[in-house]
PDB file of N, CA and C in Angstrom:
ATOM      1  N   MET A   1       7.029 -11.486 -38.628  1.00  0.00           N
ATOM      2  CA  MET A   1       7.631 -10.173 -38.601  1.00  0.00           C
ATOM      3  C   MET A   1       8.988 -10.198 -37.900  1.00  0.00           C
ATOM      4  N   GLY A   2       9.404 -11.349 -37.414  1.00  0.00           N
ATOM      5  CA  GLY A   2      10.703 -11.450 -36.787  1.00  0.00           C
ATOM      6  C   GLY A   2      10.710 -11.291 -35.277  1.00  0.00           C
ATOM      7  N   PHE A   3       9.556 -11.124 -34.662  1.00  0.00           N
ATOM      8  CA  PHE A   3       9.491 -11.006 -33.206  1.00  0.00           C
ATOM      9  C   PHE A   3       9.702 -12.374 -32.567  1.00  0.00           C
ATOM     10  N   ARG A   4      10.424 -12.387 -31.458  1.00  0.00           N
ATOM     11  CA  ARG A   4      10.568 -13.624 -30.684  1.00  0.00           C
ATOM     12  C   ARG A   4       9.754 -13.548 -29.405  1.00  0.00           C
ATOM     13  N   GLY A   5       9.364 -12.339 -29.035  1.00  0.00           N
ATOM     14  CA  GLY A   5       8.576 -12.173 -27.819  1.00  0.00           C
ATOM     15  C   GLY A   5       8.037 -10.765 -27.730  1.00  0.00           C
ATOM     16  N   LEU A   6       7.133 -10.581 -26.790  1.00  0.00           N
ATOM     17  CA  LEU A   6       6.532  -9.275 -26.528  1.00  0.00           C
ATOM     18  C   LEU A   6       6.383  -9.083 -25.029  1.00  0.00           C
ATOM     19  N   GLU A   7       6.290  -7.829 -24.631  1.00  0.00           N
ATOM     20  CA  GLU A   7       6.104  -7.505 -23.220  1.00  0.00           C
ATOM     21  C   GLU A   7       4.699  -6.959 -23.005  1.00  0.00           C
ATOM     22  N   ILE A   8       4.050  -7.453 -21.973  1.00  0.00           N
ATOM     23  CA  ILE A   8       2.716  -7.006 -21.598  1.00  0.00           C
ATOM     24  C   ILE A   8       2.858  -5.958 -20.504  1.00  0.00           C
ATOM     25  N   ALA A   9       2.202  -4.815 -20.675  1.00  0.00           N
ATOM     26  CA  ALA A   9       2.151  -3.801 -19.614  1.00  0.00           C
ATOM     27  C   ALA A   9       0.991  -4.160 -18.690  1.00  0.00           C
ATOM     28  N   MET A  10       1.283  -4.281 -17.398  1.00  0.00           N
ATOM     29  CA  MET A  10       0.253  -4.682 -16.441  1.00  0.00           C
ATOM     30  C   MET A  10       0.070  -3.590 -15.389  1.00  0.00           C
ATOM     31  N   PHE A  11      -1.077  -2.943 -15.423  1.00  0.00           N
ATOM     32  CA  PHE A  11      -1.438  -1.974 -14.388  1.00  0.00           C
ATOM     33  C   PHE A  11      -2.277  -2.671 -13.324  1.00  0.00           C
ATOM     34  N   ASP A  12      -3.320  -3.364 -13.752  1.00  0.00           N
ATOM     35  CA  ASP A  12      -4.187  -4.102 -12.840  1.00  0.00           C
ATOM     36  C   ASP A  12      -4.361  -5.506 -13.406  1.00  0.00           C
ATOM     37  N   PRO A  13      -3.818  -6.510 -12.735  1.00  0.00           N
ATOM     38  CA  PRO A  13      -3.890  -7.875 -13.261  1.00  0.00           C
ATOM     39  C   PRO A  13      -5.322  -8.341 -13.527  1.00  0.00           C
ATOM     40  N   ALA A  14      -6.276  -7.827 -12.760  1.00  0.00           N
ATOM     41  CA  ALA A  14      -7.673  -8.240 -12.925  1.00  0.00           C
ATOM     42  C   ALA A  14      -8.244  -7.811 -14.274  1.00  0.00           C
ATOM     43  N   ASN A  15      -7.632  -6.822 -14.908  1.00  0.00           N
ATOM     44  CA  ASN A  15      -8.139  -6.318 -16.181  1.00  0.00           C
ATOM     45  C   ASN A  15      -7.517  -6.981 -17.405  1.00  0.00           C
ATOM     46  N   LEU A  16      -6.657  -7.957 -17.195  1.00  0.00           N
ATOM     47  CA  LEU A  16      -6.015  -8.635 -18.325  1.00  0.00           C
ATOM     48  C   LEU A  16      -6.771  -9.910 -18.691  1.00  0.00           C
ATOM     49  N   PRO A  17      -7.062 -10.113 -19.961  1.00  0.00           N
ATOM     50  CA  PRO A  17      -7.645 -11.384 -20.394  1.00  0.00           C
ATOM     51  C   PRO A  17      -6.528 -12.436 -20.487  1.00  0.00           C
ATOM     52  N   VAL A  18      -6.122 -12.945 -19.347  1.00  0.00           N
ATOM     53  CA  VAL A  18      -4.920 -13.776 -19.227  1.00  0.00           C
ATOM     54  C   VAL A  18      -4.965 -14.994 -20.147  1.00  0.00           C
ATOM     55  N   LYS A  19      -6.056 -15.739 -20.130  1.00  0.00           N
ATOM     56  CA  LYS A  19      -6.118 -16.964 -20.946  1.00  0.00           C
ATOM     57  C   LYS A  19      -5.980 -16.653 -22.431  1.00  0.00           C
ATOM     58  N   GLU A  20      -6.651 -15.596 -22.876  1.00  0.00           N
ATOM     59  CA  GLU A  20      -6.592 -15.230 -24.293  1.00  0.00           C
ATOM     60  C   GLU A  20      -5.188 -14.784 -24.691  1.00  0.00           C
ATOM     61  N   ILE A  21      -4.560 -13.994 -23.831  1.00  0.00           N
ATOM     62  CA  ILE A  21      -3.201 -13.532 -24.121  1.00  0.00           C
ATOM     63  C   ILE A  21      -2.240 -14.714 -24.183  1.00  0.00           C
ATOM     64  N   ARG A  22      -2.333 -15.608 -23.197  1.00  0.00           N
ATOM     65  CA  ARG A  22      -1.433 -16.766 -23.193  1.00  0.00           C
ATOM     66  C   ARG A  22      -1.637 -17.609 -24.449  1.00  0.00           C
ATOM     67  N   HIS A  23      -2.894 -17.821 -24.810  1.00  0.00           N
ATOM     68  CA  HIS A  23      -3.178 -18.607 -26.021  1.00  0.00           C
ATOM     69  C   HIS A  23      -2.527 -17.953 -27.251  1.00  0.00           C
ATOM     70  N   ALA A  24      -2.646 -16.636 -27.373  1.00  0.00           N
ATOM     71  CA  ALA A  24      -2.067 -15.928 -28.527  1.00  0.00           C
ATOM     72  C   ALA A  24      -0.544 -16.066 -28.540  1.00  0.00           C
ATOM     73  N   PHE A  25       0.080 -15.965 -27.363  1.00  0.00           N
ATOM     74  CA  PHE A  25       1.532 -16.119 -27.298  1.00  0.00           C
ATOM     75  C   PHE A  25       1.944 -17.532 -27.709  1.00  0.00           C
ATOM     76  N   GLU A  26       1.246 -18.522 -27.165  1.00  0.00           N
ATOM     77  CA  GLU A  26       1.595 -19.911 -27.484  1.00  0.00           C
ATOM     78  C   GLU A  26       1.330 -20.223 -28.959  1.00  0.00           C
ATOM     79  N   ALA A  27       0.207 -19.743 -29.497  1.00  0.00           N
ATOM     80  CA  ALA A  27      -0.144 -20.012 -30.893  1.00  0.00           C
ATOM     81  C   ALA A  27       0.876 -19.423 -31.855  1.00  0.00           C
ATOM     82  N   ASN A  28       1.532 -18.345 -31.426  1.00  0.00           N
ATOM     83  CA  ASN A  28       2.513 -17.678 -32.290  1.00  0.00           C
ATOM     84  C   ASN A  28       3.945 -17.925 -31.862  1.00  0.00           C
ATOM     85  N   GLU A  29       4.119 -18.847 -30.914  1.00  0.00           N
ATOM     86  CA  GLU A  29       5.440 -19.227 -30.410  1.00  0.00           C
ATOM     87  C   GLU A  29       6.259 -18.014 -29.986  1.00  0.00           C
ATOM     88  N   LEU A  30       5.621 -17.146 -29.184  1.00  0.00           N
ATOM     89  CA  LEU A  30       6.268 -15.935 -28.695  1.00  0.00           C
ATOM     90  C   LEU A  30       6.541 -16.042 -27.203  1.00  0.00           C
ATOM     91  N   GLU A  31       7.663 -15.498 -26.783  1.00  0.00           N
ATOM     92  CA  GLU A  31       7.978 -15.407 -25.362  1.00  0.00           C
ATOM     93  C   GLU A  31       7.233 -14.214 -24.773  1.00  0.00           C
ATOM     94  N   CYS A  32       6.745 -14.394 -23.556  1.00  0.00           N
ATOM     95  CA  CYS A  32       6.010 -13.339 -22.859  1.00  0.00           C
ATOM     96  C   CYS A  32       6.817 -12.822 -21.672  1.00  0.00           C
ATOM     97  N   THR A  33       6.919 -11.513 -21.567  1.00  0.00           N
ATOM     98  CA  THR A  33       7.448 -10.875 -20.367  1.00  0.00           C
ATOM     99  C   THR A  33       6.420  -9.836 -19.921  1.00  0.00           C
ATOM    100  N   VAL A  34       6.505  -9.433 -18.657  1.00  0.00           N
ATOM    101  CA  VAL A  34       5.534  -8.501 -18.092  1.00  0.00           C
ATOM    102  C   VAL A  34       6.255  -7.335 -17.437  1.00  0.00           C
ATOM    103  N   CYS A  35       5.746  -6.142 -17.675  1.00  0.00           N
ATOM    104  CA  CYS A  35       6.200  -4.937 -16.991  1.00  0.00           C
ATOM    105  C   CYS A  35       5.020  -4.429 -16.173  1.00  0.00           C
ATOM    106  N   ALA A  36       5.103  -4.564 -14.869  1.00  0.00           N
ATOM    107  CA  ALA A  36       4.027  -4.117 -13.982  1.00  0.00           C
ATOM    108  C   ALA A  36       4.305  -2.681 -13.531  1.00  0.00           C
ATOM    109  N   ILE A  37       3.292  -1.874 -13.636  1.00  0.00           N
ATOM    110  CA  ILE A  37       3.374  -0.481 -13.205  1.00  0.00           C
ATOM    111  C   ILE A  37       2.431  -0.335 -12.014  1.00  0.00           C
ATOM    112  N   LEU A  38       2.868   0.346 -10.978  1.00  0.00           N
ATOM    113  CA  LEU A  38       2.050   0.483  -9.778  1.00  0.00           C
ATOM    114  C   LEU A  38       0.970   1.546  -9.983  1.00  0.00           C
ATOM    115  N   PRO A  39      -0.295   1.142  -9.902  1.00  0.00           N
ATOM    116  CA  PRO A  39      -1.387   2.095 -10.095  1.00  0.00           C
ATOM    117  C   PRO A  39      -1.578   2.984  -8.865  1.00  0.00           C
ATOM    118  N   THR A  40      -2.433   3.966  -8.994  1.00  0.00           N
ATOM    119  CA  THR A  40      -2.750   4.870  -7.887  1.00  0.00           C
ATOM    120  C   THR A  40      -3.173   4.058  -6.664  1.00  0.00           C
ATOM    121  N   GLY A  41      -2.630   4.424  -5.523  1.00  0.00           N
ATOM    122  CA  GLY A  41      -2.973   3.758  -4.274  1.00  0.00           C
ATOM    123  C   GLY A  41      -2.102   2.573  -3.930  1.00  0.00           C
ATOM    124  N   ILE A  42      -1.206   2.195  -4.825  1.00  0.00           N
ATOM    125  CA  ILE A  42      -0.279   1.089  -4.574  1.00  0.00           C
ATOM    126  C   ILE A  42       1.120   1.672  -4.435  1.00  0.00           C
ATOM    127  N   ASN A  43       1.676   1.534  -3.236  1.00  0.00           N
ATOM    128  CA  ASN A  43       2.997   2.086  -2.963  1.00  0.00           C
ATOM    129  C   ASN A  43       3.637   1.301  -1.818  1.00  0.00           C
ATOM    130  N   PRO A  44       4.566   0.389  -2.129  1.00  0.00           N
ATOM    131  CA  PRO A  44       5.175  -0.441  -1.089  1.00  0.00           C
ATOM    132  C   PRO A  44       6.046   0.330  -0.095  1.00  0.00           C
ATOM    133  N   ILE A  45       6.378   1.591  -0.380  1.00  0.00           N
ATOM    134  CA  ILE A  45       7.188   2.362   0.568  1.00  0.00           C
ATOM    135  C   ILE A  45       6.407   3.557   1.133  1.00  0.00           C
ATOM    136  N   SER A  46       5.092   3.453   1.080  1.00  0.00           N
ATOM    137  CA  SER A  46       4.242   4.495   1.653  1.00  0.00           C
ATOM    138  C   SER A  46       4.377   4.503   3.174  1.00  0.00           C
ATOM    139  N   PRO A  47       4.292   5.665   3.793  1.00  0.00           N
ATOM    140  CA  PRO A  47       4.288   5.696   5.258  1.00  0.00           C
ATOM    141  C   PRO A  47       3.001   5.113   5.849  1.00  0.00           C
ATOM    142  N   ASP A  48       1.981   4.912   5.020  1.00  0.00           N
ATOM    143  CA  ASP A  48       0.702   4.383   5.479  1.00  0.00           C
ATOM    144  C   ASP A  48       0.716   2.847   5.465  1.00  0.00           C
ATOM    145  N   THR A  49       0.486   2.241   6.622  1.00  0.00           N
ATOM    146  CA  THR A  49       0.534   0.784   6.766  1.00  0.00           C
ATOM    147  C   THR A  49      -0.475   0.080   5.858  1.00  0.00           C
ATOM    148  N   ALA A  50      -1.685   0.596   5.769  1.00  0.00           N
ATOM    149  CA  ALA A  50      -2.717  -0.039   4.938  1.00  0.00           C
ATOM    150  C   ALA A  50      -2.319  -0.021   3.459  1.00  0.00           C
ATOM    151  N   THR A  51      -1.726   1.071   3.015  1.00  0.00           N
ATOM    152  CA  THR A  51      -1.273   1.155   1.618  1.00  0.00           C
ATOM    153  C   THR A  51      -0.187   0.124   1.361  1.00  0.00           C
ATOM    154  N   ARG A  52       0.737  -0.039   2.288  1.00  0.00           N
ATOM    155  CA  ARG A  52       1.789  -1.043   2.117  1.00  0.00           C
ATOM    156  C   ARG A  52       1.189  -2.446   2.088  1.00  0.00           C
ATOM    157  N   ARG A  53       0.214  -2.718   2.953  1.00  0.00           N
ATOM    158  CA  ARG A  53      -0.443  -4.024   2.987  1.00  0.00           C
ATOM    159  C   ARG A  53      -1.142  -4.298   1.643  1.00  0.00           C
ATOM    160  N   ASN A  54      -1.856  -3.319   1.119  1.00  0.00           N
ATOM    161  CA  ASN A  54      -2.508  -3.465  -0.191  1.00  0.00           C
ATOM    162  C   ASN A  54      -1.488  -3.681  -1.299  1.00  0.00           C
ATOM    163  N   SER A  55      -0.322  -3.070  -1.150  1.00  0.00           N
ATOM    164  CA  SER A  55       0.733  -3.203  -2.153  1.00  0.00           C
ATOM    165  C   SER A  55       1.269  -4.621  -2.209  1.00  0.00           C
ATOM    166  N   VAL A  56       1.361  -5.287  -1.061  1.00  0.00           N
ATOM    167  CA  VAL A  56       1.792  -6.684  -1.039  1.00  0.00           C
ATOM    168  C   VAL A  56       0.782  -7.534  -1.806  1.00  0.00           C
ATOM    169  N   GLN A  57      -0.497  -7.320  -1.530  1.00  0.00           N
ATOM    170  CA  GLN A  57      -1.540  -8.087  -2.216  1.00  0.00           C
ATOM    171  C   GLN A  57      -1.506  -7.832  -3.730  1.00  0.00           C
ATOM    172  N   HIS A  58      -1.250  -6.584  -4.106  1.00  0.00           N
ATOM    173  CA  HIS A  58      -1.159  -6.245  -5.530  1.00  0.00           C
ATOM    174  C   HIS A  58       0.004  -6.994  -6.181  1.00  0.00           C
ATOM    175  N   LEU A  59       1.159  -7.007  -5.542  1.00  0.00           N
ATOM    176  CA  LEU A  59       2.313  -7.696  -6.122  1.00  0.00           C
ATOM    177  C   LEU A  59       2.045  -9.191  -6.233  1.00  0.00           C
ATOM    178  N   ILE A  60       1.403  -9.769  -5.255  1.00  0.00           N
ATOM    179  CA  ILE A  60       1.059 -11.195  -5.326  1.00  0.00           C
ATOM    180  C   ILE A  60       0.152 -11.450  -6.531  1.00  0.00           C
ATOM    181  N   ARG A  61      -0.837 -10.587  -6.750  1.00  0.00           N
ATOM    182  CA  ARG A  61      -1.714 -10.736  -7.918  1.00  0.00           C
ATOM    183  C   ARG A  61      -0.919 -10.588  -9.221  1.00  0.00           C
ATOM    184  N   CYS A  62       0.049  -9.685  -9.244  1.00  0.00           N
ATOM    185  CA  CYS A  62       0.901  -9.514 -10.432  1.00  0.00           C
ATOM    186  C   CYS A  62       1.733 -10.773 -10.694  1.00  0.00           C
ATOM    187  N   ILE A  63       2.274 -11.356  -9.640  1.00  0.00           N
ATOM    188  CA  ILE A  63       3.065 -12.590  -9.774  1.00  0.00           C
ATOM    189  C   ILE A  63       2.184 -13.715 -10.294  1.00  0.00           C
ATOM    190  N   GLU A  64       0.999 -13.857  -9.718  1.00  0.00           N
ATOM    191  CA  GLU A  64       0.080 -14.919 -10.146  1.00  0.00           C
ATOM    192  C   GLU A  64      -0.339 -14.729 -11.602  1.00  0.00           C
ATOM    193  N   ALA A  65      -0.663 -13.500 -11.987  1.00  0.00           N
ATOM    194  CA  ALA A  65      -1.070 -13.234 -13.376  1.00  0.00           C
ATOM    195  C   ALA A  65       0.091 -13.498 -14.331  1.00  0.00           C
ATOM    196  N   SER A  66       1.298 -13.112 -13.943  1.00  0.00           N
ATOM    197  CA  SER A  66       2.472 -13.349 -14.797  1.00  0.00           C
ATOM    198  C   SER A  66       2.689 -14.844 -15.006  1.00  0.00           C
ATOM    199  N   ALA A  67       2.540 -15.610 -13.937  1.00  0.00           N
ATOM    200  CA  ALA A  67       2.682 -17.068 -14.050  1.00  0.00           C
ATOM    201  C   ALA A  67       1.597 -17.638 -14.960  1.00  0.00           C
ATOM    202  N   ALA A  68       0.369 -17.156 -14.800  1.00  0.00           N
ATOM    203  CA  ALA A  68      -0.738 -17.637 -15.638  1.00  0.00           C
ATOM    204  C   ALA A  68      -0.525 -17.276 -17.107  1.00  0.00           C
ATOM    205  N   LEU A  69       0.130 -16.166 -17.358  1.00  0.00           N
ATOM    206  CA  LEU A  69       0.451 -15.761 -18.734  1.00  0.00           C
ATOM    207  C   LEU A  69       1.573 -16.606 -19.337  1.00  0.00           C
ATOM    208  N   GLY A  70       2.315 -17.305 -18.469  1.00  0.00           N
ATOM    209  CA  GLY A  70       3.483 -18.048 -18.934  1.00  0.00           C
ATOM    210  C   GLY A  70       4.690 -17.150 -19.105  1.00  0.00           C
ATOM    211  N   ALA A  71       4.682 -16.012 -18.429  1.00  0.00           N
ATOM    212  CA  ALA A  71       5.765 -15.041 -18.565  1.00  0.00           C
ATOM    213  C   ALA A  71       7.070 -15.584 -17.991  1.00  0.00           C
ATOM    214  N   SER A  72       8.142 -15.255 -18.665  1.00  0.00           N
ATOM    215  CA  SER A  72       9.468 -15.661 -18.200  1.00  0.00           C
ATOM    216  C   SER A  72      10.091 -14.603 -17.288  1.00  0.00           C
ATOM    217  N   LEU A  73       9.472 -13.420 -17.233  1.00  0.00           N
ATOM    218  CA  LEU A  73      10.040 -12.322 -16.455  1.00  0.00           C
ATOM    219  C   LEU A  73       8.936 -11.370 -16.033  1.00  0.00           C
ATOM    220  N   LEU A  74       8.984 -10.938 -14.778  1.00  0.00           N
ATOM    221  CA  LEU A  74       8.125  -9.873 -14.264  1.00  0.00           C
ATOM    222  C   LEU A  74       9.048  -8.761 -13.798  1.00  0.00           C
ATOM    223  N   GLY A  75       8.936  -7.615 -14.427  1.00  0.00           N
ATOM    224  CA  GLY A  75       9.771  -6.475 -14.061  1.00  0.00           C
ATOM    225  C   GLY A  75       8.915  -5.235 -13.946  1.00  0.00           C
ATOM    226  N   GLY A  76       9.584  -4.120 -13.910  1.00  0.00           N
ATOM    227  CA  GLY A  76       8.877  -2.841 -13.830  1.00  0.00           C
ATOM    228  C   GLY A  76       9.300  -2.077 -12.599  1.00  0.00           C
ATOM    229  N   PRO A  77       8.806  -0.900 -12.461  1.00  0.00           N
ATOM    230  CA  PRO A  77       9.101  -0.149 -11.242  1.00  0.00           C
ATOM    231  C   PRO A  77       8.219  -0.654 -10.097  1.00  0.00           C
ATOM    232  N   LEU A  78       8.638  -1.753  -9.473  1.00  0.00           N
ATOM    233  CA  LEU A  78       7.855  -2.388  -8.420  1.00  0.00           C
ATOM    234  C   LEU A  78       8.203  -1.880  -7.028  1.00  0.00           C
ATOM    235  N   TYR A  79       9.155  -0.982  -6.930  1.00  0.00           N
ATOM    236  CA  TYR A  79       9.634  -0.478  -5.642  1.00  0.00           C
ATOM    237  C   TYR A  79       8.886   0.773  -5.193  1.00  0.00           C
ATOM    238  N   ALA A  80       8.324   1.532  -6.135  1.00  0.00           N
ATOM    239  CA  ALA A  80       7.594   2.761  -5.825  1.00  0.00           C
ATOM    240  C   ALA A  80       6.847   3.200  -7.079  1.00  0.00           C
ATOM    241  N   PRO A  81       5.751   3.927  -6.915  1.00  0.00           N
ATOM    242  CA  PRO A  81       5.049   4.438  -8.094  1.00  0.00           C
ATOM    243  C   PRO A  81       5.941   5.394  -8.894  1.00  0.00           C
ATOM    244  N   ILE A  82       5.691   5.446 -10.196  1.00  0.00           N
ATOM    245  CA  ILE A  82       6.438   6.371 -11.045  1.00  0.00           C
ATOM    246  C   ILE A  82       6.250   7.792 -10.527  1.00  0.00           C
ATOM    247  N   GLY A  83       7.350   8.508 -10.375  1.00  0.00           N
ATOM    248  CA  GLY A  83       7.306   9.894  -9.919  1.00  0.00           C
ATOM    249  C   GLY A  83       7.351  10.083  -8.419  1.00  0.00           C
ATOM    250  N   TYR A  84       7.388   8.996  -7.638  1.00  0.00           N
ATOM    251  CA  TYR A  84       7.359   9.114  -6.179  1.00  0.00           C
ATOM    252  C   TYR A  84       8.703   9.519  -5.584  1.00  0.00           C
ATOM    253  N   LEU A  85       9.790   9.086  -6.181  1.00  0.00           N
ATOM    254  CA  LEU A  85      11.107   9.297  -5.573  1.00  0.00           C
ATOM    255  C   LEU A  85      11.974  10.417  -6.156  1.00  0.00           C
ATOM    256  N   PRO A  86      11.569  11.149  -7.151  1.00  0.00           N
ATOM    257  CA  PRO A  86      12.500  12.132  -7.724  1.00  0.00           C
ATOM    258  C   PRO A  86      12.966  13.213  -6.754  1.00  0.00           C
ATOM    259  N   GLU A  87      12.178  13.520  -5.769  1.00  0.00           N
ATOM    260  CA  GLU A  87      12.524  14.617  -4.865  1.00  0.00           C
ATOM    261  C   GLU A  87      13.356  14.198  -3.665  1.00  0.00           C
ATOM    262  N   HIS A  88      13.519  12.913  -3.445  1.00  0.00           N
ATOM    263  CA  HIS A  88      14.323  12.472  -2.299  1.00  0.00           C
ATOM    264  C   HIS A  88      14.883  11.078  -2.544  1.00  0.00           C
ATOM    265  N   ARG A  89      15.930  10.774  -1.812  1.00  0.00           N
ATOM    266  CA  ARG A  89      16.477   9.428  -1.838  1.00  0.00           C
ATOM    267  C   ARG A  89      15.680   8.600  -0.833  1.00  0.00           C
ATOM    268  N   PRO A  90      15.545   7.299  -1.071  1.00  0.00           N
ATOM    269  CA  PRO A  90      14.786   6.473  -0.131  1.00  0.00           C
ATOM    270  C   PRO A  90      15.378   6.532   1.275  1.00  0.00           C
ATOM    271  N   SER A  91      14.504   6.657   2.253  1.00  0.00           N
ATOM    272  CA  SER A  91      14.927   6.695   3.652  1.00  0.00           C
ATOM    273  C   SER A  91      15.188   5.277   4.154  1.00  0.00           C
ATOM    274  N   HIS A  92      15.759   5.195   5.340  1.00  0.00           N
ATOM    275  CA  HIS A  92      15.992   3.892   5.965  1.00  0.00           C
ATOM    276  C   HIS A  92      14.664   3.153   6.128  1.00  0.00           C
ATOM    277  N   ASP A  93      13.618   3.862   6.590  1.00  0.00           N
ATOM    278  CA  ASP A  93      12.300   3.239   6.747  1.00  0.00           C
ATOM    279  C   ASP A  93      11.771   2.718   5.415  1.00  0.00           C
ATOM    280  N   GLU A  94      11.909   3.516   4.362  1.00  0.00           N
ATOM    281  CA  GLU A  94      11.420   3.088   3.045  1.00  0.00           C
ATOM    282  C   GLU A  94      12.142   1.831   2.562  1.00  0.00           C
ATOM    283  N   TRP A  95      13.447   1.757   2.751  1.00  0.00           N
ATOM    284  CA  TRP A  95      14.189   0.546   2.372  1.00  0.00           C
ATOM    285  C   TRP A  95      13.703  -0.648   3.193  1.00  0.00           C
ATOM    286  N   SER A  96      13.466  -0.426   4.467  1.00  0.00           N
ATOM    287  CA  SER A  96      12.982  -1.495   5.341  1.00  0.00           C
ATOM    288  C   SER A  96      11.605  -1.981   4.905  1.00  0.00           C
ATOM    289  N   TRP A  97      10.700  -1.028   4.619  1.00  0.00           N
ATOM    290  CA  TRP A  97       9.356  -1.393   4.160  1.00  0.00           C
ATOM    291  C   TRP A  97       9.425  -2.157   2.849  1.00  0.00           C
ATOM    292  N   LEU A  98      10.311  -1.735   1.946  1.00  0.00           N
ATOM    293  CA  LEU A  98      10.432  -2.388   0.648  1.00  0.00           C
ATOM    294  C   LEU A  98      10.946  -3.818   0.809  1.00  0.00           C
ATOM    295  N   SER A  99      11.943  -3.988   1.662  1.00  0.00           N
ATOM    296  CA  SER A  99      12.484  -5.319   1.909  1.00  0.00           C
ATOM    297  C   SER A  99      11.395  -6.241   2.451  1.00  0.00           C
ATOM    298  N   ARG A 100      10.623  -5.753   3.401  1.00  0.00           N
ATOM    299  CA  ARG A 100       9.521  -6.521   3.976  1.00  0.00           C
ATOM    300  C   ARG A 100       8.465  -6.828   2.901  1.00  0.00           C
ATOM    301  N   HIS A 101       8.195  -5.851   2.054  1.00  0.00           N
ATOM    302  CA  HIS A 101       7.214  -5.992   0.968  1.00  0.00           C
ATOM    303  C   HIS A 101       7.570  -7.161   0.060  1.00  0.00           C
ATOM    304  N   PHE A 102       8.812  -7.190  -0.405  1.00  0.00           N
ATOM    305  CA  PHE A 102       9.221  -8.256  -1.311  1.00  0.00           C
ATOM    306  C   PHE A 102       9.295  -9.594  -0.577  1.00  0.00           C
ATOM    307  N   SER A 103       9.715  -9.606   0.667  1.00  0.00           N
ATOM    308  CA  SER A 103       9.766 -10.845   1.442  1.00  0.00           C
ATOM    309  C   SER A 103       8.369 -11.416   1.635  1.00  0.00           C
ATOM    310  N   GLN A 104       7.418 -10.583   1.995  1.00  0.00           N
ATOM    311  CA  GLN A 104       6.044 -11.054   2.192  1.00  0.00           C
ATOM    312  C   GLN A 104       5.431 -11.558   0.891  1.00  0.00           C
ATOM    313  N   SER A 105       5.743 -10.902  -0.202  1.00  0.00           N
ATOM    314  CA  SER A 105       5.196 -11.301  -1.499  1.00  0.00           C
ATOM    315  C   SER A 105       5.777 -12.640  -1.946  1.00  0.00           C
ATOM    316  N   ALA A 106       7.020 -12.881  -1.611  1.00  0.00           N
ATOM    317  CA  ALA A 106       7.692 -14.109  -2.044  1.00  0.00           C
ATOM    318  C   ALA A 106       7.282 -15.327  -1.233  1.00  0.00           C
ATOM    319  N   THR A 107       6.809 -15.127  -0.034  1.00  0.00           N
ATOM    320  CA  THR A 107       6.501 -16.269   0.835  1.00  0.00           C
ATOM    321  C   THR A 107       5.050 -16.704   0.767  1.00  0.00           C
ATOM    322  N   ARG A 108       4.257 -16.068  -0.065  1.00  0.00           N
ATOM    323  CA  ARG A 108       2.835 -16.453  -0.146  1.00  0.00           C
ATOM    324  C   ARG A 108       2.569 -17.359  -1.297  1.00  0.00           C
TER     325      ARG A 108
END
């Protein structure tokens, strides 16, 4: 059909049949990319410390699943849940929490 690749929407990495998806991509010589969307309860810029901690673990699982899929790119709104920021600009604390979030996720 002329496709060179497809993007997988990832809400919860645990719910993806990773091996089957990767096999289908490889069998059809398609490039895989991933768009991760933050599910309810995952918010790296939440004022709640436990929510931020869970968000780091979620991003690590997303990175691991993307690698297992053979994805060349992991993107998406990974900075905050959809609809969280329309009413305000990120505060200094939120930027700080986000920076820490990505740093912690990258070093594991």
